[in-house]
Structure formats: C-alpha cells, structure tokens
Amino acid sequence: MGTRIRVRNAGPYSGTYTVADTGSKVRGRHIDIFMPNRRNARKFGRRIVEIKVLRWGEG
C-alpha cells in the first residue's frame, strides 16, 4: 500500500492516486477505482485504462 499510480483514459477519474488497499478479489491485470456512489460506478462501468506506477509503496 502507499504505491502512487497515474490512471489515464478513465474520464473524470483520470489522475494520480495513492493505493489505499489491495482488494482480495482483485487479481491479475485488474484494479478497482473507488466511486462516490453506485450510480457513478454503474455509469463508469468496466473500462480498459492505462496505469503507470509512479512510486512503489510498502506492502
């Protein structure tokens, strides 16, 4: 946790983030992005986005 990443091609959710958890159900080349509510999550749906690790965290 604490890894800094840049997310691209995610519309309004594109940006730089700090990883806060590593969801136990997230495997392989998948990530989940926190959304403020279910409506936003359903509207966003599943997308192919670009992730770049800027700095590795601990853990």
PDB file of N, CA and C in Angstrom:
ATOM      1  N   MET A   1       0.835  -1.176   0.000  1.00  0.00           N
ATOM      2  CA  MET A   1       0.000   0.000   0.000  1.00  0.00           C
ATOM      3  C   MET A   1       0.879   1.238   0.000  1.00  0.00           C
ATOM      4  N   GLY A   2       0.286   2.331  -0.407  1.00  0.00           N
ATOM      5  CA  GLY A   2       1.051   3.558  -0.497  1.00  0.00           C
ATOM      6  C   GLY A   2       1.674   3.784  -1.866  1.00  0.00           C
ATOM      7  N   THR A   3       1.498   2.835  -2.786  1.00  0.00           N
ATOM      8  CA  THR A   3       2.015   2.997  -4.138  1.00  0.00           C
ATOM      9  C   THR A   3       1.295   4.154  -4.820  1.00  0.00           C
ATOM     10  N   ARG A   4       2.045   5.000  -5.509  1.00  0.00           N
ATOM     11  CA  ARG A   4       1.464   6.116  -6.261  1.00  0.00           C
ATOM     12  C   ARG A   4       1.313   5.678  -7.708  1.00  0.00           C
ATOM     13  N   ILE A   5       0.109   5.869  -8.265  1.00  0.00           N
ATOM     14  CA  ILE A   5      -0.153   5.482  -9.648  1.00  0.00           C
ATOM     15  C   ILE A   5      -0.793   6.636 -10.409  1.00  0.00           C
ATOM     16  N   ARG A   6      -0.637   6.601 -11.724  1.00  0.00           N
ATOM     17  CA  ARG A   6      -1.340   7.544 -12.596  1.00  0.00           C
ATOM     18  C   ARG A   6      -2.312   6.729 -13.436  1.00  0.00           C
ATOM     19  N   VAL A   7      -3.568   7.155 -13.466  1.00  0.00           N
ATOM     20  CA  VAL A   7      -4.614   6.490 -14.236  1.00  0.00           C
ATOM     21  C   VAL A   7      -4.964   7.397 -15.411  1.00  0.00           C
ATOM     22  N   ARG A   8      -4.944   6.816 -16.619  1.00  0.00           N
ATOM     23  CA  ARG A   8      -5.309   7.564 -17.827  1.00  0.00           C
ATOM     24  C   ARG A   8      -6.450   6.847 -18.533  1.00  0.00           C
ATOM     25  N   ASN A   9      -7.160   7.576 -19.365  1.00  0.00           N
ATOM     26  CA  ASN A   9      -8.292   7.047 -20.139  1.00  0.00           C
ATOM     27  C   ASN A   9      -9.458   6.626 -19.242  1.00  0.00           C
ATOM     28  N   ALA A  10      -9.609   7.294 -18.108  1.00  0.00           N
ATOM     29  CA  ALA A  10     -10.690   6.978 -17.174  1.00  0.00           C
ATOM     30  C   ALA A  10     -11.625   8.171 -17.000  1.00  0.00           C
ATOM     31  N   GLY A  11     -11.679   9.031 -18.002  1.00  0.00           N
ATOM     32  CA  GLY A  11     -12.577  10.177 -17.933  1.00  0.00           C
ATOM     33  C   GLY A  11     -12.303  11.039 -16.713  1.00  0.00           C
ATOM     34  N   PRO A  12     -13.346  11.403 -15.981  1.00  0.00           N
ATOM     35  CA  PRO A  12     -13.158  12.285 -14.826  1.00  0.00           C
ATOM     36  C   PRO A  12     -12.363  11.634 -13.690  1.00  0.00           C
ATOM     37  N   TYR A  13     -12.135  10.330 -13.773  1.00  0.00           N
ATOM     38  CA  TYR A  13     -11.373   9.630 -12.738  1.00  0.00           C
ATOM     39  C   TYR A  13      -9.908   9.466 -13.118  1.00  0.00           C
ATOM     40  N   SER A  14      -9.511  10.020 -14.261  1.00  0.00           N
ATOM     41  CA  SER A  14      -8.097  10.034 -14.620  1.00  0.00           C
ATOM     42  C   SER A  14      -7.375  10.925 -13.621  1.00  0.00           C
ATOM     43  N   GLY A  15      -6.161  10.555 -13.263  1.00  0.00           N
ATOM     44  CA  GLY A  15      -5.400  11.363 -12.325  1.00  0.00           C
ATOM     45  C   GLY A  15      -4.378  10.534 -11.588  1.00  0.00           C
ATOM     46  N   THR A  16      -3.804  11.122 -10.552  1.00  0.00           N
ATOM     47  CA  THR A  16      -2.784  10.476  -9.741  1.00  0.00           C
ATOM     48  C   THR A  16      -3.396  10.088  -8.409  1.00  0.00           C
ATOM     49  N   TYR A  17      -3.143   8.849  -7.999  1.00  0.00           N
ATOM     50  CA  TYR A  17      -3.749   8.305  -6.787  1.00  0.00           C
ATOM     51  C   TYR A  17      -2.723   7.573  -5.943  1.00  0.00           C
ATOM     52  N   THR A  18      -3.055   7.412  -4.664  1.00  0.00           N
ATOM     53  CA  THR A  18      -2.288   6.564  -3.761  1.00  0.00           C
ATOM     54  C   THR A  18      -3.117   5.326  -3.482  1.00  0.00           C
ATOM     55  N   VAL A  19      -2.518   4.159  -3.659  1.00  0.00           N
ATOM     56  CA  VAL A  19      -3.219   2.896  -3.417  1.00  0.00           C
ATOM     57  C   VAL A  19      -3.494   2.772  -1.926  1.00  0.00           C
ATOM     58  N   ALA A  20      -4.778   2.580  -1.571  1.00  0.00           N
ATOM     59  CA  ALA A  20      -5.187   2.510  -0.169  1.00  0.00           C
ATOM     60  C   ALA A  20      -5.425   1.087   0.298  1.00  0.00           C
ATOM     61  N   ASP A  21      -5.730   0.187  -0.627  1.00  0.00           N
ATOM     62  CA  ASP A  21      -5.925  -1.213  -0.246  1.00  0.00           C
ATOM     63  C   ASP A  21      -5.664  -2.090  -1.458  1.00  0.00           C
ATOM     64  N   THR A  22      -5.586  -3.362  -1.202  1.00  0.00           N
ATOM     65  CA  THR A  22      -5.418  -4.335  -2.286  1.00  0.00           C
ATOM     66  C   THR A  22      -6.539  -5.341  -2.140  1.00  0.00           C
ATOM     67  N   GLY A  23      -7.686  -5.013  -2.701  1.00  0.00           N
ATOM     68  CA  GLY A  23      -8.879  -5.848  -2.581  1.00  0.00           C
ATOM     69  C   GLY A  23      -8.588  -7.320  -2.822  1.00  0.00           C
ATOM     70  N   SER A  24      -9.077  -8.163  -1.953  1.00  0.00           N
ATOM     71  CA  SER A  24      -8.778  -9.597  -2.023  1.00  0.00           C
ATOM     72  C   SER A  24      -9.357 -10.252  -3.269  1.00  0.00           C
ATOM     73  N   LYS A  25     -10.373  -9.655  -3.877  1.00  0.00           N
ATOM     74  CA  LYS A  25     -10.987 -10.248  -5.067  1.00  0.00           C
ATOM     75  C   LYS A  25     -10.416  -9.685  -6.366  1.00  0.00           C
ATOM     76  N   VAL A  26      -9.505  -8.737  -6.267  1.00  0.00           N
ATOM     77  CA  VAL A  26      -8.893  -8.145  -7.455  1.00  0.00           C
ATOM     78  C   VAL A  26      -7.633  -8.929  -7.775  1.00  0.00           C
ATOM     79  N   ARG A  27      -7.593  -9.525  -8.959  1.00  0.00           N
ATOM     80  CA  ARG A  27      -6.473 -10.380  -9.356  1.00  0.00           C
ATOM     81  C   ARG A  27      -5.981 -10.005 -10.749  1.00  0.00           C
ATOM     82  N   GLY A  28      -4.728 -10.321 -10.996  1.00  0.00           N
ATOM     83  CA  GLY A  28      -4.172 -10.141 -12.332  1.00  0.00           C
ATOM     84  C   GLY A  28      -4.075  -8.689 -12.742  1.00  0.00           C
ATOM     85  N   ARG A  29      -4.453  -8.421 -13.952  1.00  0.00           N
ATOM     86  CA  ARG A  29      -4.307  -7.081 -14.526  1.00  0.00           C
ATOM     87  C   ARG A  29      -5.587  -6.263 -14.357  1.00  0.00           C
ATOM     88  N   HIS A  30      -6.155  -6.303 -13.182  1.00  0.00           N
ATOM     89  CA  HIS A  30      -7.389  -5.580 -12.890  1.00  0.00           C
ATOM     90  C   HIS A  30      -7.172  -4.675 -11.686  1.00  0.00           C
ATOM     91  N   ILE A  31      -7.868  -3.569 -11.673  1.00  0.00           N
ATOM     92  CA  ILE A  31      -7.900  -2.701 -10.497  1.00  0.00           C
ATOM     93  C   ILE A  31      -9.351  -2.300 -10.266  1.00  0.00           C
ATOM     94  N   ASP A  32      -9.624  -1.843  -9.079  1.00  0.00           N
ATOM     95  CA  ASP A  32     -10.919  -1.208  -8.869  1.00  0.00           C
ATOM     96  C   ASP A  32     -10.661   0.225  -8.434  1.00  0.00           C
ATOM     97  N   ILE A  33     -11.534   1.103  -8.861  1.00  0.00           N
ATOM     98  CA  ILE A  33     -11.414   2.524  -8.562  1.00  0.00           C
ATOM     99  C   ILE A  33     -12.605   2.911  -7.699  1.00  0.00           C
ATOM    100  N   PHE A  34     -12.326   3.533  -6.561  1.00  0.00           N
ATOM    101  CA  PHE A  34     -13.402   3.968  -5.669  1.00  0.00           C
ATOM    102  C   PHE A  34     -14.276   4.990  -6.383  1.00  0.00           C
ATOM    103  N   MET A  35     -15.571   4.799  -6.274  1.00  0.00           N
ATOM    104  CA  MET A  35     -16.548   5.746  -6.808  1.00  0.00           C
ATOM    105  C   MET A  35     -17.397   6.241  -5.640  1.00  0.00           C
ATOM    106  N   PRO A  36     -17.830   7.491  -5.684  1.00  0.00           N
ATOM    107  CA  PRO A  36     -18.573   8.046  -4.561  1.00  0.00           C
ATOM    108  C   PRO A  36     -19.946   7.410  -4.333  1.00  0.00           C
ATOM    109  N   ASN A  37     -20.508   6.767  -5.370  1.00  0.00           N
ATOM    110  CA  ASN A  37     -21.812   6.132  -5.190  1.00  0.00           C
ATOM    111  C   ASN A  37     -22.033   5.092  -6.292  1.00  0.00           C
ATOM    112  N   ARG A  38     -23.063   4.294  -6.119  1.00  0.00           N
ATOM    113  CA  ARG A  38     -23.360   3.210  -7.062  1.00  0.00           C
ATOM    114  C   ARG A  38     -23.698   3.754  -8.457  1.00  0.00           C
ATOM    115  N   ARG A  39     -24.414   4.858  -8.495  1.00  0.00           N
ATOM    116  CA  ARG A  39     -24.796   5.432  -9.797  1.00  0.00           C
ATOM    117  C   ARG A  39     -23.557   5.763 -10.630  1.00  0.00           C
ATOM    118  N   ASN A  40     -22.581   6.414 -10.007  1.00  0.00           N
ATOM    119  CA  ASN A  40     -21.348   6.749 -10.724  1.00  0.00           C
ATOM    120  C   ASN A  40     -20.615   5.485 -11.166  1.00  0.00           C
ATOM    121  N   ALA A  41     -20.586   4.480 -10.309  1.00  0.00           N
ATOM    122  CA  ALA A  41     -19.898   3.226 -10.638  1.00  0.00           C
ATOM    123  C   ALA A  41     -20.563   2.548 -11.832  1.00  0.00           C
ATOM    124  N   ARG A  42     -21.879   2.493 -11.836  1.00  0.00           N
ATOM    125  CA  ARG A  42     -22.590   1.849 -12.950  1.00  0.00           C
ATOM    126  C   ARG A  42     -22.416   2.649 -14.248  1.00  0.00           C
ATOM    127  N   LYS A  43     -22.412   3.961 -14.131  1.00  0.00           N
ATOM    128  CA  LYS A  43     -22.209   4.802 -15.310  1.00  0.00           C
ATOM    129  C   LYS A  43     -20.799   4.610 -15.879  1.00  0.00           C
ATOM    130  N   PHE A  44     -19.817   4.506 -15.001  1.00  0.00           N
ATOM    131  CA  PHE A  44     -18.429   4.297 -15.432  1.00  0.00           C
ATOM    132  C   PHE A  44     -18.269   2.908 -16.042  1.00  0.00           C
ATOM    133  N   GLY A  45     -18.862   1.896 -15.405  1.00  0.00           N
ATOM    134  CA  GLY A  45     -18.795   0.526 -15.911  1.00  0.00           C
ATOM    135  C   GLY A  45     -17.391  -0.044 -15.864  1.00  0.00           C
ATOM    136  N   ARG A  46     -17.136  -0.986 -16.761  1.00  0.00           N
ATOM    137  CA  ARG A  46     -15.797  -1.561 -16.909  1.00  0.00           C
ATOM    138  C   ARG A  46     -15.130  -0.889 -18.091  1.00  0.00           C
ATOM    139  N   ARG A  47     -13.874  -0.542 -17.902  1.00  0.00           N
ATOM    140  CA  ARG A  47     -13.125   0.115 -18.976  1.00  0.00           C
ATOM    141  C   ARG A  47     -11.694  -0.394 -18.994  1.00  0.00           C
ATOM    142  N   ILE A  48     -11.109  -0.279 -20.152  1.00  0.00           N
ATOM    143  CA  ILE A  48      -9.673  -0.512 -20.255  1.00  0.00           C
ATOM    144  C   ILE A  48      -9.016   0.845 -20.043  1.00  0.00           C
ATOM    145  N   VAL A  49      -8.178   0.932 -19.026  1.00  0.00           N
ATOM    146  CA  VAL A  49      -7.488   2.179 -18.707  1.00  0.00           C
ATOM    147  C   VAL A  49      -5.989   1.910 -18.675  1.00  0.00           C
ATOM    148  N   GLU A  50      -5.226   2.971 -18.703  1.00  0.00           N
ATOM    149  CA  GLU A  50      -3.771   2.867 -18.629  1.00  0.00           C
ATOM    150  C   GLU A  50      -3.335   3.229 -17.218  1.00  0.00           C
ATOM    151  N   ILE A  51      -2.515   2.371 -16.626  1.00  0.00           N
ATOM    152  CA  ILE A  51      -1.996   2.598 -15.276  1.00  0.00           C
ATOM    153  C   ILE A  51      -0.481   2.669 -15.347  1.00  0.00           C
ATOM    154  N   LYS A  52       0.088   3.663 -14.717  1.00  0.00           N
ATOM    155  CA  LYS A  52       1.541   3.771 -14.627  1.00  0.00           C
ATOM    156  C   LYS A  52       1.904   3.895 -13.157  1.00  0.00           C
ATOM    157  N   VAL A  53       2.817   3.042 -12.698  1.00  0.00           N
ATOM    158  CA  VAL A  53       3.293   3.131 -11.317  1.00  0.00           C
ATOM    159  C   VAL A  53       4.324   4.246 -11.265  1.00  0.00           C
ATOM    160  N   LEU A  54       4.080   5.223 -10.411  1.00  0.00           N
ATOM    161  CA  LEU A  54       4.995   6.346 -10.253  1.00  0.00           C
ATOM    162  C   LEU A  54       5.998   6.090  -9.141  1.00  0.00           C
ATOM    163  N   ARG A  55       5.539   5.420  -8.092  1.00  0.00           N
ATOM    164  CA  ARG A  55       6.410   5.110  -6.956  1.00  0.00           C
ATOM    165  C   ARG A  55       5.813   3.929  -6.215  1.00  0.00           C
ATOM    166  N   TRP A  56       6.615   2.893  -5.987  1.00  0.00           N
ATOM    167  CA  TRP A  56       6.143   1.716  -5.257  1.00  0.00           C
ATOM    168  C   TRP A  56       6.053   2.024  -3.769  1.00  0.00           C
ATOM    169  N   GLY A  57       4.990   1.560  -3.152  1.00  0.00           N
ATOM    170  CA  GLY A  57       4.796   1.723  -1.717  1.00  0.00           C
ATOM    171  C   GLY A  57       5.332   0.520  -0.968  1.00  0.00           C
ATOM    172  N   GLU A  58       4.874   0.379   0.252  1.00  0.00           N
ATOM    173  CA  GLU A  58       5.289  -0.745   1.089  1.00  0.00           C
ATOM    174  C   GLU A  58       4.111  -1.673   1.274  1.00  0.00           C
ATOM    175  N   GLY A  59       4.382  -2.963   1.193  1.00  0.00           N
ATOM    176  CA  GLY A  59       3.333  -3.947   1.442  1.00  0.00           C
ATOM    177  C   GLY A  59       2.747  -4.388   0.186  1.00  0.00           C
TER     178      GLY A  59
END
